[in-house]
Amino acid sequence: MNQPDVVCLGETMVLVTPTEAVPLEDAPLFHLSVGGAESTVAMYLAEAGYRTSWASALGDDPFATRILRLLSSQGVDTSFVQVNTGAPTGIYFKNPGRESTQIHYYRSGSAASTMSERFLDTLPLEGARLVHVTGITPALSSSCNQLVAALPGRLRTIGAKLSFDVNYRPGLWPVAEAAPVLLNLASQADYVFVGRDEAELLWGTTTPASIRDLIGPTGKLVVKDGAVGATEFSRHGEVFVEAQRVDVVEVVGAGDAFAAGYLSGQLQNSSARECLRRGHELAARTLQSTSDFVPLLGRP
C-alpha cells in the first residue's frame, strides 16, 4: 500500500458470539469472528475507498492469522502489525441479553498490551491525513497509556489530525482512573466521539451542551445519544441528526461503525449533516447483526 490516508491504532481480538442472539449459557452454536474498535473503523473506511492501515500487536498464534486474513480481505493494510511471540492474541465473548449485551474479556497480558510509545516510531504517521484511536488502548497497560498520551503531540508536529472515540470500557478500568485520562485526550483531539450516557458516567454531564462545555473541543465534537440521534459541535455551531429506526439485534460495534461513517464524510469535506447521516447509516447496518463489522451485501 502507498502512504495511507488513515491509520487506526488499537487492539483487535478474536470474537466468539452465539450464532443467534441468545445468552452464552443457552446457545448451542457459536460463530468465531474478529472484534476490535479501531480495526472495525479501518474496515469500514477501506470499504469506503480510503487507503487505511491498521496498526497493533498480535500473538504468534492461529487467532492472529485469522485476524490478519480478515482485515486484508477487506482491503486494510496490516503491514505495520507486530507479532509478539511471548504474548497471546486476546479473545472475548459477547453474551447477548434481552436488555443489553455483556462482554467477557480474556485479554490480560495480550500482545497488544505490550505496545509502548516506541511503537509510534514504526508507523506511517507522516503523510497520513488522520489517525484514529480509542479510550480502550490506554486502559490496556501503562505502556499503552503512554503511547496514546504521546500521540497528540506527535501528530501536531506533522499536521495529521487525531480522531478519538472515548469508548469507555468499565471492565478495563474504574471511572476514577479513566475519567481524567479520557478527558485529557478528548480535549486534544480534532474529532471526538462520545456517548451521552458514557459521558454522564465518566464526568457527571447530563446533556450534549454540558459535554461540549466540559471538553471545550478545539475541533469537532460528536455526542451520540443512542436511538435519539447525534449532535456535532464545532466553531460553526451545532447540528443534530436523528438516528435511523431499526430492529436492533445487539448494540456492540455500532459506535465504531458510526465513527467510520462520520469520518468518511469528513475525509470528503462533507457537511456536518451529511457526516452524521453517514454515521447513522453504518450504525444501523451493524445494529442488525451480532458482528462488529457487517460488509455490504455481495462482499466477503
Protein backbone atom coordinates (compact mmCIF):
# COMPACT_ATOMS: atom_id res chain seq x y z
CA MET A 1 0.00 0.00 0.00
CA ASN A 2 1.08 3.58 -0.66
CA GLN A 3 1.03 6.11 2.18
CA PRO A 4 -2.28 5.52 3.96
CA ASP A 5 -4.95 8.18 4.31
CA VAL A 6 -5.88 6.79 7.72
CA VAL A 7 -4.02 4.87 10.42
CA CYS A 8 -6.19 3.08 13.00
CA LEU A 9 -4.25 2.06 16.11
CA GLY A 10 -5.50 -0.35 18.77
CA GLU A 11 -6.11 -3.93 19.86
CA THR A 12 -8.16 -6.43 17.88
CA MET A 13 -9.19 -9.78 19.30
CA VAL A 14 -10.92 -12.93 18.21
CA LEU A 15 -14.63 -12.61 18.96
CA VAL A 16 -16.87 -15.51 19.93
CA THR A 17 -20.63 -14.92 19.65
CA PRO A 18 -23.71 -17.16 19.66
CA THR A 19 -24.99 -17.68 16.14
CA GLU A 20 -28.37 -16.47 17.42
CA ALA A 21 -28.88 -13.54 19.79
CA VAL A 22 -29.33 -15.70 22.90
CA PRO A 23 -27.22 -15.85 26.12
CA LEU A 24 -23.98 -17.81 26.07
CA GLU A 25 -25.26 -20.40 28.53
CA ASP A 26 -28.20 -21.23 26.23
CA ALA A 27 -26.54 -21.05 22.82
CA PRO A 28 -25.94 -24.39 21.04
CA LEU A 29 -23.77 -22.95 18.27
CA PHE A 30 -21.15 -20.21 18.12
CA HIS A 31 -19.54 -18.04 15.50
CA LEU A 32 -15.84 -17.15 15.52
CA SER A 33 -15.09 -13.72 14.09
CA VAL A 34 -12.96 -10.66 14.77
CA GLY A 35 -13.69 -7.71 17.01
CA GLY A 36 -11.79 -4.51 17.68
CA ALA A 37 -12.92 -0.90 17.77
CA GLU A 38 -10.11 0.53 15.67
CA SER A 39 -9.95 -2.29 13.13
CA THR A 40 -13.72 -2.06 12.66
CA VAL A 41 -13.32 1.61 11.76
CA ALA A 42 -10.45 0.64 9.45
CA MET A 43 -12.53 -1.94 7.57
CA TYR A 44 -15.45 0.43 7.05
CA LEU A 45 -13.14 3.21 5.83
CA ALA A 46 -11.39 0.80 3.46
CA GLU A 47 -14.81 -0.23 2.17
CA ALA A 48 -15.49 3.46 1.51
CA GLY A 49 -12.39 3.63 -0.69
CA TYR A 50 -9.76 5.12 1.62
CA ARG A 51 -6.21 3.78 1.94
CA THR A 52 -6.34 2.51 5.51
CA SER A 53 -3.76 0.86 7.75
CA TRP A 54 -4.45 -0.94 10.99
CA ALA A 55 -1.55 -0.99 13.45
CA SER A 56 -1.27 -3.17 16.54
CA ALA A 57 0.47 -6.21 18.03
CA LEU A 58 -0.73 -9.82 17.87
CA GLY A 59 0.46 -13.12 19.26
CA ASP A 60 2.15 -15.80 17.17
CA ASP A 61 -0.96 -17.98 17.01
CA PRO A 62 -3.83 -19.06 14.69
CA PHE A 63 -6.04 -16.28 16.06
CA ALA A 64 -3.60 -13.68 14.76
CA THR A 65 -3.61 -15.36 11.36
CA ARG A 66 -7.40 -15.21 11.29
CA ILE A 67 -7.42 -11.51 12.20
CA LEU A 68 -4.83 -10.57 9.60
CA ARG A 69 -6.58 -12.61 6.92
CA LEU A 70 -9.92 -10.89 7.57
CA LEU A 71 -8.56 -7.35 7.59
CA SER A 72 -6.52 -7.96 4.46
CA SER A 73 -9.56 -9.41 2.69
CA GLN A 74 -11.40 -6.15 3.42
CA GLY A 75 -8.66 -4.02 1.89
CA VAL A 76 -6.95 -2.93 5.11
CA ASP A 77 -3.14 -2.73 5.15
CA THR A 78 -1.71 -4.80 8.02
CA SER A 79 2.00 -4.42 7.26
CA PHE A 80 2.56 -2.37 10.44
CA VAL A 81 1.24 -5.08 12.77
CA GLN A 82 3.91 -6.54 15.02
CA VAL A 83 3.98 -10.20 16.10
CA ASN A 84 4.90 -10.89 19.73
CA THR A 85 5.96 -14.49 20.23
CA GLY A 86 5.83 -14.13 24.01
CA ALA A 87 2.22 -12.98 24.40
CA PRO A 88 -1.14 -14.23 23.09
CA THR A 89 -3.77 -12.64 20.89
CA GLY A 90 -6.73 -11.53 23.01
CA ILE A 91 -10.11 -13.25 22.93
CA TYR A 92 -13.53 -12.03 24.03
CA PHE A 93 -17.08 -13.28 24.16
CA LYS A 94 -20.37 -11.48 23.58
CA ASN A 95 -23.23 -12.54 25.81
CA PRO A 96 -26.45 -11.19 24.25
CA GLY A 97 -29.29 -10.40 26.63
CA ARG A 98 -32.81 -9.09 26.31
CA GLU A 99 -31.88 -5.64 27.66
CA SER A 100 -28.16 -5.42 26.92
CA THR A 101 -25.09 -7.33 25.76
CA GLN A 102 -22.40 -8.32 28.27
CA ILE A 103 -18.77 -8.63 27.22
CA HIS A 104 -16.35 -11.14 28.75
CA TYR A 105 -12.69 -10.31 28.02
CA TYR A 106 -9.71 -12.66 28.03
CA ARG A 107 -7.08 -10.11 27.10
CA SER A 108 -4.89 -9.68 30.20
CA GLY A 109 -1.24 -9.82 29.15
CA SER A 110 -2.15 -9.83 25.46
CA ALA A 111 0.33 -8.93 22.75
CA ALA A 112 -1.37 -5.57 22.18
CA SER A 113 -0.96 -4.65 25.85
CA THR A 114 2.83 -4.72 25.38
CA MET A 115 2.80 -1.81 22.92
CA SER A 116 4.62 1.33 24.05
CA GLU A 117 5.47 4.81 22.80
CA ARG A 118 8.32 3.31 20.76
CA PHE A 119 5.69 1.66 18.58
CA LEU A 120 4.84 5.08 17.12
CA ASP A 121 8.30 5.22 15.52
CA THR A 122 7.35 2.26 13.29
CA LEU A 123 4.13 3.79 11.93
CA PRO A 124 3.50 5.79 8.72
CA LEU A 125 2.19 8.81 10.60
CA GLU A 126 3.88 11.40 8.44
CA GLY A 127 1.69 11.94 5.40
CA ALA A 128 -1.42 10.35 6.91
CA ARG A 129 -4.47 12.57 6.92
CA LEU A 130 -5.97 11.04 10.03
CA VAL A 131 -5.04 8.76 12.93
CA HIS A 132 -7.88 7.09 14.84
CA VAL A 133 -7.59 5.76 18.39
CA THR A 134 -10.00 4.99 21.22
CA GLY A 135 -10.10 5.11 25.00
CA ILE A 136 -9.69 1.34 25.08
CA THR A 137 -5.97 1.43 24.32
CA PRO A 138 -4.78 3.48 27.33
CA ALA A 139 -6.66 1.06 29.59
CA LEU A 140 -4.67 -1.96 28.40
CA SER A 141 -1.42 -1.19 30.25
CA SER A 142 0.74 1.67 31.49
CA SER A 143 2.88 1.44 28.36
CA CYS A 144 -0.21 1.67 26.14
CA ASN A 145 -1.35 4.68 28.16
CA GLN A 146 1.99 6.36 27.49
CA LEU A 147 1.72 5.52 23.79
CA VAL A 148 -1.66 7.23 23.41
CA ALA A 149 -0.61 10.18 25.60
CA ALA A 150 2.31 10.87 23.25
CA LEU A 151 0.19 10.73 20.09
CA PRO A 152 -1.40 14.23 20.07
CA GLY A 153 1.99 15.92 20.27
CA ARG A 154 3.45 13.73 17.53
CA LEU A 155 0.56 14.47 15.19
CA ARG A 156 0.67 18.22 15.78
CA THR A 157 4.27 18.34 14.57
CA ILE A 158 3.41 16.63 11.27
CA GLY A 159 -0.03 18.13 10.62
CA ALA A 160 -2.11 14.95 10.81
CA LYS A 161 -5.50 15.04 12.51
CA LEU A 162 -6.35 12.96 15.56
CA SER A 163 -9.69 11.15 15.83
CA PHE A 164 -10.54 9.95 19.33
CA ASP A 165 -13.51 7.83 20.39
CA VAL A 166 -13.88 7.87 24.19
CA ASN A 167 -15.21 4.27 24.13
CA TYR A 168 -15.10 3.78 27.89
CA ARG A 169 -14.95 0.11 28.95
CA PRO A 170 -15.85 -0.31 32.65
CA GLY A 171 -14.40 -3.82 32.67
CA LEU A 172 -10.93 -2.48 31.89
CA TRP A 173 -10.53 0.35 34.42
CA PRO A 174 -12.59 2.22 37.03
CA VAL A 175 -14.19 5.61 36.44
CA ALA A 176 -11.88 7.37 38.88
CA GLU A 177 -8.83 6.30 36.88
CA ALA A 178 -10.30 6.60 33.41
CA ALA A 179 -12.17 9.92 33.66
CA PRO A 180 -9.18 12.34 33.75
CA VAL A 181 -7.20 10.38 31.15
CA LEU A 182 -10.07 10.26 28.67
CA LEU A 183 -11.00 13.91 29.22
CA ASN A 184 -7.42 14.99 28.56
CA LEU A 185 -7.29 13.02 25.30
CA ALA A 186 -10.69 14.31 24.19
CA SER A 187 -9.64 17.90 24.76
CA GLN A 188 -6.66 17.46 22.40
CA ALA A 189 -8.33 15.62 19.51
CA ASP A 190 -9.53 17.09 16.21
CA TYR A 191 -12.54 14.74 16.12
CA VAL A 192 -14.10 13.44 19.34
CA PHE A 193 -16.85 10.82 19.67
CA VAL A 194 -18.59 10.23 22.97
CA GLY A 195 -21.89 8.73 24.07
CA ARG A 196 -24.10 10.96 26.22
CA ASP A 197 -24.55 8.08 28.68
CA GLU A 198 -20.83 7.28 28.98
CA ALA A 199 -20.03 10.98 29.45
CA GLU A 200 -22.52 11.09 32.31
CA LEU A 201 -20.89 8.04 33.87
CA LEU A 202 -17.38 9.45 33.47
CA TRP A 203 -17.82 13.15 34.15
CA GLY A 204 -21.32 13.69 35.52
CA THR A 205 -22.52 15.64 32.48
CA THR A 206 -26.16 15.18 31.51
CA THR A 207 -26.68 16.97 28.18
CA PRO A 208 -24.78 17.31 24.90
CA ALA A 209 -24.24 21.01 25.66
CA SER A 210 -22.70 20.26 29.06
CA ILE A 211 -20.34 17.75 27.44
CA ARG A 212 -19.29 20.42 24.95
CA ASP A 213 -18.66 22.89 27.76
CA LEU A 214 -16.57 20.37 29.68
CA ILE A 215 -14.40 19.14 26.82
CA GLY A 216 -14.06 22.54 25.15
CA PRO A 217 -13.22 20.93 21.82
CA THR A 218 -10.70 22.61 19.54
CA GLY A 219 -12.06 20.67 16.56
CA LYS A 220 -15.34 18.80 16.19
CA LEU A 221 -17.19 17.00 18.96
CA VAL A 222 -19.89 14.41 18.22
CA VAL A 223 -22.19 13.45 21.08
CA LYS A 224 -24.15 10.26 20.40
CA ASP A 225 -27.44 9.69 22.19
CA GLY A 226 -28.42 6.16 21.23
CA ALA A 227 -31.69 5.83 19.33
CA VAL A 228 -32.32 9.57 19.68
CA GLY A 229 -29.58 10.81 17.36
CA ALA A 230 -26.22 12.58 17.36
CA THR A 231 -25.08 16.19 17.67
CA GLU A 232 -21.96 17.74 16.16
CA PHE A 233 -20.44 20.77 17.90
CA SER A 234 -17.86 22.87 16.06
CA ARG A 235 -16.84 26.50 15.64
CA HIS A 236 -19.62 26.71 13.06
CA GLY A 237 -22.29 25.86 15.61
CA GLU A 238 -24.41 22.84 16.46
CA VAL A 239 -26.05 20.28 14.14
CA PHE A 240 -28.34 17.44 15.21
CA VAL A 241 -29.42 14.47 13.07
CA GLU A 242 -31.88 11.83 14.22
CA ALA A 243 -30.86 8.17 14.34
CA GLN A 244 -32.37 5.69 11.90
CA ARG A 245 -35.10 3.40 13.18
CA VAL A 246 -34.08 -0.26 13.02
CA ASP A 247 -34.87 -3.58 14.69
CA VAL A 248 -31.87 -3.93 16.99
CA VAL A 249 -30.22 -7.34 17.30
CA GLU A 250 -27.49 -6.03 19.61
CA VAL A 251 -25.64 -2.75 20.05
CA VAL A 252 -21.94 -3.52 20.46
CA GLY A 253 -19.95 -2.27 17.46
CA ALA A 254 -22.49 0.32 16.35
CA GLY A 255 -20.46 3.18 17.81
CA ASP A 256 -17.40 2.20 15.80
CA ALA A 257 -19.49 1.94 12.64
CA PHE A 258 -20.90 5.40 13.36
CA ALA A 259 -17.40 6.84 13.76
CA ALA A 260 -16.30 5.33 10.45
CA GLY A 261 -19.31 6.70 8.61
CA TYR A 262 -18.82 10.15 10.08
CA LEU A 263 -15.08 10.17 9.33
CA SER A 264 -15.66 9.07 5.74
CA GLY A 265 -17.71 12.22 5.31
CA GLN A 266 -15.06 14.39 6.95
CA LEU A 267 -12.39 12.98 4.63
CA GLN A 268 -14.56 14.16 1.73
CA ASN A 269 -15.17 17.57 3.35
CA SER A 270 -18.90 16.84 3.52
CA SER A 271 -21.33 18.91 5.56
CA ALA A 272 -21.95 18.16 9.21
CA ARG A 273 -25.42 16.88 8.40
CA GLU A 274 -24.08 14.51 5.74
CA CYS A 275 -21.32 13.22 8.04
CA LEU A 276 -23.83 12.48 10.79
CA ARG A 277 -26.18 10.83 8.30
CA ARG A 278 -23.38 8.52 7.12
CA GLY A 279 -22.61 7.66 10.72
CA HIS A 280 -26.20 6.69 11.43
CA GLU A 281 -26.39 4.67 8.22
CA LEU A 282 -23.40 2.48 9.10
CA ALA A 283 -24.50 2.16 12.72
CA ALA A 284 -27.93 0.93 11.57
CA ARG A 285 -26.27 -1.77 9.45
CA THR A 286 -24.29 -3.01 12.45
CA LEU A 287 -27.22 -2.87 14.90
CA GLN A 288 -28.97 -5.55 12.86
CA SER A 289 -26.19 -8.13 13.37
CA THR A 290 -24.24 -9.82 16.18
CA SER A 291 -20.98 -8.98 14.35
CA ASP A 292 -18.99 -5.79 14.86
CA PHE A 293 -18.28 -5.43 11.13
CA VAL A 294 -21.03 -6.09 8.61
CA PRO A 295 -19.82 -5.90 4.98
CA LEU A 296 -22.03 -4.77 2.16
CA LEU A 297 -24.16 -7.47 0.58
CA GLY A 298 -22.21 -9.26 -2.10
CA ARG A 299 -18.83 -8.69 -0.41
CA PRO A 300 -16.99 -11.45 1.52
